[in-house]
Amino acid sequence: VIFAQWFFLFPNRQATLGFNAPAFGHWVPVE
């Protein structure tokens, strides 16, 4: 929620179900 915007990237959205989960800065996959 707090740090994904600075630490992580999720380039391959097709590798997930495509459902966005809440986080600051940008979405993260629900997985």
PDB file of all heavy atoms in Angstrom:
ATOM      1  N   VAL A   1       0.830  -1.205   0.000  1.00  0.00           N
ATOM      2  CA  VAL A   1       0.000   0.000   0.000  1.00  0.00           C
ATOM      3  C   VAL A   1       0.864   1.254   0.000  1.00  0.00           C
ATOM      4  O   VAL A   1       0.618   2.209  -0.740  1.00  0.00           O
ATOM      5  CB  VAL A   1      -0.956  -0.002   1.210  1.00  0.00           C
ATOM      6  CG1 VAL A   1      -1.658   1.350   1.342  1.00  0.00           C
ATOM      7  CG2 VAL A   1      -1.986  -1.111   1.077  1.00  0.00           C
ATOM      8  N   ILE A   2       1.907   1.262   0.812  1.00  0.00           N
ATOM      9  CA  ILE A   2       2.744   2.462   0.962  1.00  0.00           C
ATOM     10  C   ILE A   2       3.936   2.451   0.013  1.00  0.00           C
ATOM     11  O   ILE A   2       4.209   3.434  -0.675  1.00  0.00           O
ATOM     12  CB  ILE A   2       3.231   2.596   2.419  1.00  0.00           C
ATOM     13  CG1 ILE A   2       2.048   2.786   3.360  1.00  0.00           C
ATOM     14  CG2 ILE A   2       4.206   3.764   2.548  1.00  0.00           C
ATOM     15  CD1 ILE A   2       2.423   2.837   4.820  1.00  0.00           C
ATOM     16  N   PHE A   3       4.653   1.321  -0.046  1.00  0.00           N
ATOM     17  CA  PHE A   3       5.966   1.320  -0.680  1.00  0.00           C
ATOM     18  C   PHE A   3       6.006   0.766  -2.103  1.00  0.00           C
ATOM     19  O   PHE A   3       7.041   0.881  -2.764  1.00  0.00           O
ATOM     20  CB  PHE A   3       6.955   0.529   0.180  1.00  0.00           C
ATOM     21  CG  PHE A   3       7.209   1.136   1.530  1.00  0.00           C
ATOM     22  CD1 PHE A   3       6.758   0.513   2.686  1.00  0.00           C
ATOM     23  CD2 PHE A   3       7.905   2.328   1.654  1.00  0.00           C
ATOM     24  CE1 PHE A   3       6.992   1.059   3.930  1.00  0.00           C
ATOM     25  CE2 PHE A   3       8.144   2.896   2.889  1.00  0.00           C
ATOM     26  CZ  PHE A   3       7.684   2.262   4.036  1.00  0.00           C
ATOM     27  N   ALA A   4       4.933   0.131  -2.572  1.00  0.00           N
ATOM     28  CA  ALA A   4       4.969  -0.446  -3.920  1.00  0.00           C
ATOM     29  C   ALA A   4       5.323   0.595  -4.974  1.00  0.00           C
ATOM     30  O   ALA A   4       6.010   0.301  -5.955  1.00  0.00           O
ATOM     31  CB  ALA A   4       3.628  -1.091  -4.247  1.00  0.00           C
ATOM     32  N   GLN A   5       4.872   1.830  -4.786  1.00  0.00           N
ATOM     33  CA  GLN A   5       5.142   2.882  -5.766  1.00  0.00           C
ATOM     34  C   GLN A   5       6.628   3.192  -5.894  1.00  0.00           C
ATOM     35  O   GLN A   5       7.073   3.719  -6.916  1.00  0.00           O
ATOM     36  CB  GLN A   5       4.386   4.147  -5.373  1.00  0.00           C
ATOM     37  CG  GLN A   5       4.734   4.679  -3.992  1.00  0.00           C
ATOM     38  CD  GLN A   5       3.887   5.864  -3.593  1.00  0.00           C
ATOM     39  OE1 GLN A   5       3.593   6.730  -4.421  1.00  0.00           O
ATOM     40  NE2 GLN A   5       3.491   5.912  -2.334  1.00  0.00           N
ATOM     41  N   TRP A   6       7.415   2.863  -4.886  1.00  0.00           N
ATOM     42  CA  TRP A   6       8.858   3.137  -4.916  1.00  0.00           C
ATOM     43  C   TRP A   6       9.701   1.880  -5.083  1.00  0.00           C
ATOM     44  O   TRP A   6      10.829   1.962  -5.568  1.00  0.00           O
ATOM     45  CB  TRP A   6       9.290   3.838  -3.626  1.00  0.00           C
ATOM     46  CG  TRP A   6       8.679   5.185  -3.442  1.00  0.00           C
ATOM     47  CD1 TRP A   6       8.738   6.251  -4.307  1.00  0.00           C
ATOM     48  CD2 TRP A   6       7.880   5.618  -2.338  1.00  0.00           C
ATOM     49  NE1 TRP A   6       8.049   7.324  -3.794  1.00  0.00           N
ATOM     50  CE2 TRP A   6       7.504   6.970  -2.587  1.00  0.00           C
ATOM     51  CE3 TRP A   6       7.449   5.017  -1.153  1.00  0.00           C
ATOM     52  CZ2 TRP A   6       6.722   7.699  -1.700  1.00  0.00           C
ATOM     53  CZ3 TRP A   6       6.673   5.747  -0.274  1.00  0.00           C
ATOM     54  CH2 TRP A   6       6.322   7.063  -0.543  1.00  0.00           C
ATOM     55  N   PHE A   7       9.171   0.717  -4.703  1.00  0.00           N
ATOM     56  CA  PHE A   7       9.976  -0.499  -4.686  1.00  0.00           C
ATOM     57  C   PHE A   7       9.708  -1.437  -5.855  1.00  0.00           C
ATOM     58  O   PHE A   7      10.628  -2.069  -6.355  1.00  0.00           O
ATOM     59  CB  PHE A   7       9.736  -1.289  -3.392  1.00  0.00           C
ATOM     60  CG  PHE A   7      10.182  -0.586  -2.133  1.00  0.00           C
ATOM     61  CD1 PHE A   7       9.848  -1.109  -0.894  1.00  0.00           C
ATOM     62  CD2 PHE A   7      10.927   0.580  -2.177  1.00  0.00           C
ATOM     63  CE1 PHE A   7      10.246  -0.486   0.269  1.00  0.00           C
ATOM     64  CE2 PHE A   7      11.324   1.230  -1.013  1.00  0.00           C
ATOM     65  CZ  PHE A   7      10.980   0.687   0.217  1.00  0.00           C
ATOM     66  N   PHE A   8       8.447  -1.566  -6.282  1.00  0.00           N
ATOM     67  CA  PHE A   8       8.068  -2.649  -7.186  1.00  0.00           C
ATOM     68  C   PHE A   8       7.467  -2.149  -8.494  1.00  0.00           C
ATOM     69  O   PHE A   8       6.969  -1.033  -8.593  1.00  0.00           O
ATOM     70  CB  PHE A   8       7.047  -3.579  -6.502  1.00  0.00           C
ATOM     71  CG  PHE A   8       7.463  -4.041  -5.144  1.00  0.00           C
ATOM     72  CD1 PHE A   8       6.638  -3.839  -4.045  1.00  0.00           C
ATOM     73  CD2 PHE A   8       8.672  -4.673  -4.952  1.00  0.00           C
ATOM     74  CE1 PHE A   8       7.018  -4.255  -2.774  1.00  0.00           C
ATOM     75  CE2 PHE A   8       9.067  -5.099  -3.692  1.00  0.00           C
ATOM     76  CZ  PHE A   8       8.237  -4.885  -2.604  1.00  0.00           C
ATOM     77  N   LEU A   9       7.522  -3.044  -9.490  1.00  0.00           N
ATOM     78  CA  LEU A   9       6.858  -2.843 -10.776  1.00  0.00           C
ATOM     79  C   LEU A   9       6.134  -4.142 -11.133  1.00  0.00           C
ATOM     80  O   LEU A   9       6.564  -5.228 -10.731  1.00  0.00           O
ATOM     81  CB  LEU A   9       7.878  -2.510 -11.874  1.00  0.00           C
ATOM     82  CG  LEU A   9       8.689  -1.221 -11.712  1.00  0.00           C
ATOM     83  CD1 LEU A   9       9.834  -1.200 -12.720  1.00  0.00           C
ATOM     84  CD2 LEU A   9       7.804  -0.010 -11.890  1.00  0.00           C
ATOM     85  N   PHE A  10       5.063  -4.032 -11.902  1.00  0.00           N
ATOM     86  CA  PHE A  10       4.308  -5.211 -12.333  1.00  0.00           C
ATOM     87  C   PHE A  10       4.065  -5.106 -13.839  1.00  0.00           C
ATOM     88  O   PHE A  10       2.969  -4.786 -14.292  1.00  0.00           O
ATOM     89  CB  PHE A  10       2.992  -5.299 -11.555  1.00  0.00           C
ATOM     90  CG  PHE A  10       3.190  -5.365 -10.057  1.00  0.00           C
ATOM     91  CD1 PHE A  10       3.123  -4.208  -9.285  1.00  0.00           C
ATOM     92  CD2 PHE A  10       3.478  -6.561  -9.439  1.00  0.00           C
ATOM     93  CE1 PHE A  10       3.325  -4.256  -7.917  1.00  0.00           C
ATOM     94  CE2 PHE A  10       3.676  -6.625  -8.072  1.00  0.00           C
ATOM     95  CZ  PHE A  10       3.603  -5.466  -7.304  1.00  0.00           C
ATOM     96  N   PRO A  11       5.125  -5.386 -14.629  1.00  0.00           N
ATOM     97  CA  PRO A  11       5.039  -5.146 -16.083  1.00  0.00           C
ATOM     98  C   PRO A  11       4.060  -6.069 -16.813  1.00  0.00           C
ATOM     99  O   PRO A  11       3.422  -5.645 -17.769  1.00  0.00           O
ATOM    100  CB  PRO A  11       6.479  -5.393 -16.562  1.00  0.00           C
ATOM    101  CG  PRO A  11       7.329  -5.386 -15.327  1.00  0.00           C
ATOM    102  CD  PRO A  11       6.449  -5.865 -14.231  1.00  0.00           C
ATOM    103  N   ASN A  12       3.973  -7.324 -16.408  1.00  0.00           N
ATOM    104  CA  ASN A  12       3.196  -8.315 -17.152  1.00  0.00           C
ATOM    105  C   ASN A  12       1.828  -8.491 -16.514  1.00  0.00           C
ATOM    106  O   ASN A  12       1.602  -9.395 -15.703  1.00  0.00           O
ATOM    107  CB  ASN A  12       3.948  -9.643 -17.193  1.00  0.00           C
ATOM    108  CG  ASN A  12       3.265 -10.664 -18.084  1.00  0.00           C
ATOM    109  OD1 ASN A  12       2.200 -10.401 -18.643  1.00  0.00           O
ATOM    110  ND2 ASN A  12       3.865 -11.832 -18.213  1.00  0.00           N
ATOM    111  N   ARG A  13       0.903  -7.666 -16.894  1.00  0.00           N
ATOM    112  CA  ARG A  13      -0.426  -7.742 -16.292  1.00  0.00           C
ATOM    113  C   ARG A  13      -1.170  -9.001 -16.698  1.00  0.00           C
ATOM    114  O   ARG A  13      -2.061  -9.471 -15.988  1.00  0.00           O
ATOM    115  CB  ARG A  13      -1.233  -6.503 -16.689  1.00  0.00           C
ATOM    116  CG  ARG A  13      -2.521  -6.356 -15.915  1.00  0.00           C
ATOM    117  CD  ARG A  13      -3.173  -5.025 -16.131  1.00  0.00           C
ATOM    118  NE  ARG A  13      -4.386  -4.907 -15.335  1.00  0.00           N
ATOM    119  CZ  ARG A  13      -5.163  -3.832 -15.321  1.00  0.00           C
ATOM    120  NH1 ARG A  13      -4.834  -2.776 -16.060  1.00  0.00           N
ATOM    121  NH2 ARG A  13      -6.248  -3.799 -14.578  1.00  0.00           N
ATOM    122  N   GLN A  14      -0.788  -9.573 -17.847  1.00  0.00           N
ATOM    123  CA  GLN A  14      -1.456 -10.801 -18.303  1.00  0.00           C
ATOM    124  C   GLN A  14      -1.107 -12.006 -17.435  1.00  0.00           C
ATOM    125  O   GLN A  14      -1.752 -13.054 -17.538  1.00  0.00           O
ATOM    126  CB  GLN A  14      -1.090 -11.074 -19.757  1.00  0.00           C
ATOM    127  CG  GLN A  14      -1.652 -10.027 -20.722  1.00  0.00           C
ATOM    128  CD  GLN A  14      -1.205 -10.271 -22.145  1.00  0.00           C
ATOM    129  OE1 GLN A  14      -0.052 -10.586 -22.397  1.00  0.00           O
ATOM    130  NE2 GLN A  14      -2.130 -10.143 -23.092  1.00  0.00           N
ATOM    131  N   ALA A  15      -0.082 -11.854 -16.588  1.00  0.00           N
ATOM    132  CA  ALA A  15       0.274 -12.937 -15.677  1.00  0.00           C
ATOM    133  C   ALA A  15      -0.619 -12.957 -14.445  1.00  0.00           C
ATOM    134  O   ALA A  15      -0.483 -13.840 -13.599  1.00  0.00           O
ATOM    135  CB  ALA A  15       1.728 -12.800 -15.243  1.00  0.00           C
ATOM    136  N   THR A  16      -1.513 -11.994 -14.339  1.00  0.00           N
ATOM    137  CA  THR A  16      -2.425 -11.910 -13.204  1.00  0.00           C
ATOM    138  C   THR A  16      -3.867 -12.016 -13.677  1.00  0.00           C
ATOM    139  O   THR A  16      -4.136 -12.089 -14.885  1.00  0.00           O
ATOM    140  CB  THR A  16      -2.234 -10.573 -12.458  1.00  0.00           C
ATOM    141  OG1 THR A  16      -2.724  -9.505 -13.287  1.00  0.00           O
ATOM    142  CG2 THR A  16      -0.772 -10.337 -12.137  1.00  0.00           C
ATOM    143  N   LEU A  17      -4.798 -11.977 -12.733  1.00  0.00           N
ATOM    144  CA  LEU A  17      -6.213 -11.990 -13.085  1.00  0.00           C
ATOM    145  C   LEU A  17      -6.666 -10.653 -13.666  1.00  0.00           C
ATOM    146  O   LEU A  17      -7.751 -10.562 -14.244  1.00  0.00           O
ATOM    147  CB  LEU A  17      -7.058 -12.318 -11.845  1.00  0.00           C
ATOM    148  CG  LEU A  17      -6.908 -13.743 -11.295  1.00  0.00           C
ATOM    149  CD1 LEU A  17      -7.698 -13.871  -9.990  1.00  0.00           C
ATOM    150  CD2 LEU A  17      -7.374 -14.778 -12.302  1.00  0.00           C
ATOM    151  N   GLY A  18      -5.838  -9.631 -13.474  1.00  0.00           N
ATOM    152  CA  GLY A  18      -6.164  -8.310 -14.011  1.00  0.00           C
ATOM    153  C   GLY A  18      -6.985  -7.448 -13.077  1.00  0.00           C
ATOM    154  O   GLY A  18      -7.432  -6.366 -13.468  1.00  0.00           O
ATOM    155  N   PHE A  19      -7.181  -7.897 -11.842  1.00  0.00           N
ATOM    156  CA  PHE A  19      -7.934  -7.109 -10.875  1.00  0.00           C
ATOM    157  C   PHE A  19      -6.983  -6.199 -10.106  1.00  0.00           C
ATOM    158  O   PHE A  19      -6.000  -6.672  -9.525  1.00  0.00           O
ATOM    159  CB  PHE A  19      -8.695  -8.011  -9.895  1.00  0.00           C
ATOM    160  CG  PHE A  19      -9.708  -8.886 -10.560  1.00  0.00           C
ATOM    161  CD1 PHE A  19      -9.823 -10.223 -10.200  1.00  0.00           C
ATOM    162  CD2 PHE A  19     -10.554  -8.390 -11.540  1.00  0.00           C
ATOM    163  CE1 PHE A  19     -10.757 -11.045 -10.801  1.00  0.00           C
ATOM    164  CE2 PHE A  19     -11.491  -9.202 -12.148  1.00  0.00           C
ATOM    165  CZ  PHE A  19     -11.590 -10.534 -11.787  1.00  0.00           C
ATOM    166  N   ASN A  20      -7.266  -4.906 -10.112  1.00  0.00           N
ATOM    167  CA  ASN A  20      -6.425  -3.960  -9.402  1.00  0.00           C
ATOM    168  C   ASN A  20      -6.769  -3.939  -7.916  1.00  0.00           C
ATOM    169  O   ASN A  20      -7.941  -3.983  -7.535  1.00  0.00           O
ATOM    170  CB  ASN A  20      -6.602  -2.546  -9.972  1.00  0.00           C
ATOM    171  CG  ASN A  20      -6.114  -2.456 -11.402  1.00  0.00           C
ATOM    172  OD1 ASN A  20      -5.441  -3.366 -11.891  1.00  0.00           O
ATOM    173  ND2 ASN A  20      -6.434  -1.378 -12.074  1.00  0.00           N
ATOM    174  N   ALA A  21      -5.745  -3.861  -7.086  1.00  0.00           N
ATOM    175  CA  ALA A  21      -5.933  -3.730  -5.646  1.00  0.00           C
ATOM    176  C   ALA A  21      -5.408  -2.362  -5.224  1.00  0.00           C
ATOM    177  O   ALA A  21      -4.496  -1.813  -5.845  1.00  0.00           O
ATOM    178  CB  ALA A  21      -5.186  -4.840  -4.915  1.00  0.00           C
ATOM    179  N   PRO A  22      -5.977  -1.773  -4.170  1.00  0.00           N
ATOM    180  CA  PRO A  22      -5.597  -0.414  -3.789  1.00  0.00           C
ATOM    181  C   PRO A  22      -4.170  -0.323  -3.269  1.00  0.00           C
ATOM    182  O   PRO A  22      -3.681  -1.210  -2.569  1.00  0.00           O
ATOM    183  CB  PRO A  22      -6.595  -0.071  -2.673  1.00  0.00           C
ATOM    184  CG  PRO A  22      -7.015  -1.397  -2.133  1.00  0.00           C
ATOM    185  CD  PRO A  22      -7.012  -2.330  -3.286  1.00  0.00           C
ATOM    186  N   ALA A  23      -3.503   0.739  -3.667  1.00  0.00           N
ATOM    187  CA  ALA A  23      -2.160   1.058  -3.177  1.00  0.00           C
ATOM    188  C   ALA A  23      -1.882   2.510  -3.543  1.00  0.00           C
ATOM    189  O   ALA A  23      -2.463   3.036  -4.495  1.00  0.00           O
ATOM    190  CB  ALA A  23      -1.108   0.142  -3.790  1.00  0.00           C
ATOM    191  N   PHE A  24      -0.999   3.144  -2.785  1.00  0.00           N
ATOM    192  CA  PHE A  24      -0.651   4.526  -3.085  1.00  0.00           C
ATOM    193  C   PHE A  24       0.226   4.576  -4.335  1.00  0.00           C
ATOM    194  O   PHE A  24       1.093   3.734  -4.533  1.00  0.00           O
ATOM    195  CB  PHE A  24       0.100   5.164  -1.919  1.00  0.00           C
ATOM    196  CG  PHE A  24      -0.705   5.262  -0.657  1.00  0.00           C
ATOM    197  CD1 PHE A  24      -0.091   5.247   0.581  1.00  0.00           C
ATOM    198  CD2 PHE A  24      -2.085   5.377  -0.697  1.00  0.00           C
ATOM    199  CE1 PHE A  24      -0.823   5.338   1.750  1.00  0.00           C
ATOM    200  CE2 PHE A  24      -2.834   5.473   0.463  1.00  0.00           C
ATOM    201  CZ  PHE A  24      -2.194   5.453   1.690  1.00  0.00           C
ATOM    202  N   GLY A  25       0.021   5.558  -5.171  1.00  0.00           N
ATOM    203  CA  GLY A  25       0.903   5.782  -6.308  1.00  0.00           C
ATOM    204  C   GLY A  25       0.475   5.071  -7.570  1.00  0.00           C
ATOM    205  O   GLY A  25       0.313   5.696  -8.601  1.00  0.00           O
ATOM    206  N   HIS A  26       0.314   3.749  -7.520  1.00  0.00           N
ATOM    207  CA  HIS A  26      -0.149   3.000  -8.687  1.00  0.00           C
ATOM    208  C   HIS A  26      -0.752   1.689  -8.214  1.00  0.00           C
ATOM    209  O   HIS A  26      -0.562   1.264  -7.072  1.00  0.00           O
ATOM    210  CB  HIS A  26       0.982   2.753  -9.696  1.00  0.00           C
ATOM    211  CG  HIS A  26       2.115   1.923  -9.168  1.00  0.00           C
ATOM    212  ND1 HIS A  26       2.042   0.562  -9.028  1.00  0.00           N
ATOM    213  CD2 HIS A  26       3.366   2.259  -8.748  1.00  0.00           C
ATOM    214  CE1 HIS A  26       3.185   0.095  -8.565  1.00  0.00           C
ATOM    215  NE2 HIS A  26       4.007   1.105  -8.375  1.00  0.00           N
ATOM    216  N   TRP A  27      -1.476   1.026  -9.098  1.00  0.00           N
ATOM    217  CA  TRP A  27      -2.171  -0.200  -8.747  1.00  0.00           C
ATOM    218  C   TRP A  27      -1.177  -1.328  -8.474  1.00  0.00           C
ATOM    219  O   TRP A  27      -0.037  -1.321  -8.918  1.00  0.00           O
ATOM    220  CB  TRP A  27      -3.118  -0.607  -9.876  1.00  0.00           C
ATOM    221  CG  TRP A  27      -2.414  -1.038 -11.138  1.00  0.00           C
ATOM    222  CD1 TRP A  27      -1.961  -0.237 -12.136  1.00  0.00           C
ATOM    223  CD2 TRP A  27      -2.040  -2.371 -11.501  1.00  0.00           C
ATOM    224  NE1 TRP A  27      -1.347  -0.981 -13.115  1.00  0.00           N
ATOM    225  CE2 TRP A  27      -1.386  -2.302 -12.742  1.00  0.00           C
ATOM    226  CE3 TRP A  27      -2.211  -3.621 -10.902  1.00  0.00           C
ATOM    227  CZ2 TRP A  27      -0.885  -3.430 -13.393  1.00  0.00           C
ATOM    228  CZ3 TRP A  27      -1.718  -4.743 -11.549  1.00  0.00           C
ATOM    229  CH2 TRP A  27      -1.068  -4.638 -12.787  1.00  0.00           C
ATOM    230  N   VAL A  28      -1.661  -2.318  -7.728  1.00  0.00           N
ATOM    231  CA  VAL A  28      -0.938  -3.576  -7.573  1.00  0.00           C
ATOM    232  C   VAL A  28      -1.940  -4.698  -7.853  1.00  0.00           C
ATOM    233  O   VAL A  28      -3.130  -4.542  -7.612  1.00  0.00           O
ATOM    234  CB  VAL A  28      -0.345  -3.742  -6.159  1.00  0.00           C
ATOM    235  CG1 VAL A  28       0.664  -2.655  -5.857  1.00  0.00           C
ATOM    236  CG2 VAL A  28      -1.434  -3.767  -5.090  1.00  0.00           C
ATOM    237  N   PRO A  29      -1.483  -5.821  -8.384  1.00  0.00           N
ATOM    238  CA  PRO A  29      -2.414  -6.923  -8.639  1.00  0.00           C
ATOM    239  C   PRO A  29      -2.944  -7.498  -7.331  1.00  0.00           C
ATOM    240  O   PRO A  29      -2.231  -7.524  -6.322  1.00  0.00           O
ATOM    241  CB  PRO A  29      -1.560  -7.946  -9.403  1.00  0.00           C
ATOM    242  CG  PRO A  29      -0.160  -7.610  -9.049  1.00  0.00           C
ATOM    243  CD  PRO A  29      -0.112  -6.138  -8.824  1.00  0.00           C
ATOM    244  N   VAL A  30      -4.167  -7.970  -7.349  1.00  0.00           N
ATOM    245  CA  VAL A  30      -4.776  -8.523  -6.138  1.00  0.00           C
ATOM    246  C   VAL A  30      -3.987  -9.730  -5.627  1.00  0.00           C
ATOM    247  O   VAL A  30      -4.016 -10.058  -4.430  1.00  0.00           O
ATOM    248  CB  VAL A  30      -6.247  -8.894  -6.414  1.00  0.00           C
ATOM    249  CG1 VAL A  30      -6.337 -10.118  -7.330  1.00  0.00           C
ATOM    250  CG2 VAL A  30      -7.000  -9.120  -5.114  1.00  0.00           C
ATOM    251  N   GLU A  31      -3.252 -10.377  -6.521  1.00  0.00           N
ATOM    252  CA  GLU A  31      -2.423 -11.515  -6.109  1.00  0.00           C
ATOM    253  C   GLU A  31      -1.395 -11.135  -5.045  1.00  0.00           C
ATOM    254  O   GLU A  31      -0.981 -11.992  -4.250  1.00  0.00           O
ATOM    255  CB  GLU A  31      -1.690 -12.102  -7.328  1.00  0.00           C
ATOM    256  CG  GLU A  31      -2.544 -12.931  -8.255  1.00  0.00           C
ATOM    257  CD  GLU A  31      -3.305 -12.104  -9.268  1.00  0.00           C
ATOM    258  OE1 GLU A  31      -3.264 -10.845  -9.184  1.00  0.00           O
ATOM    259  OE2 GLU A  31      -3.941 -12.694 -10.167  1.00  0.00           O
TER     260      GLU A  31
END
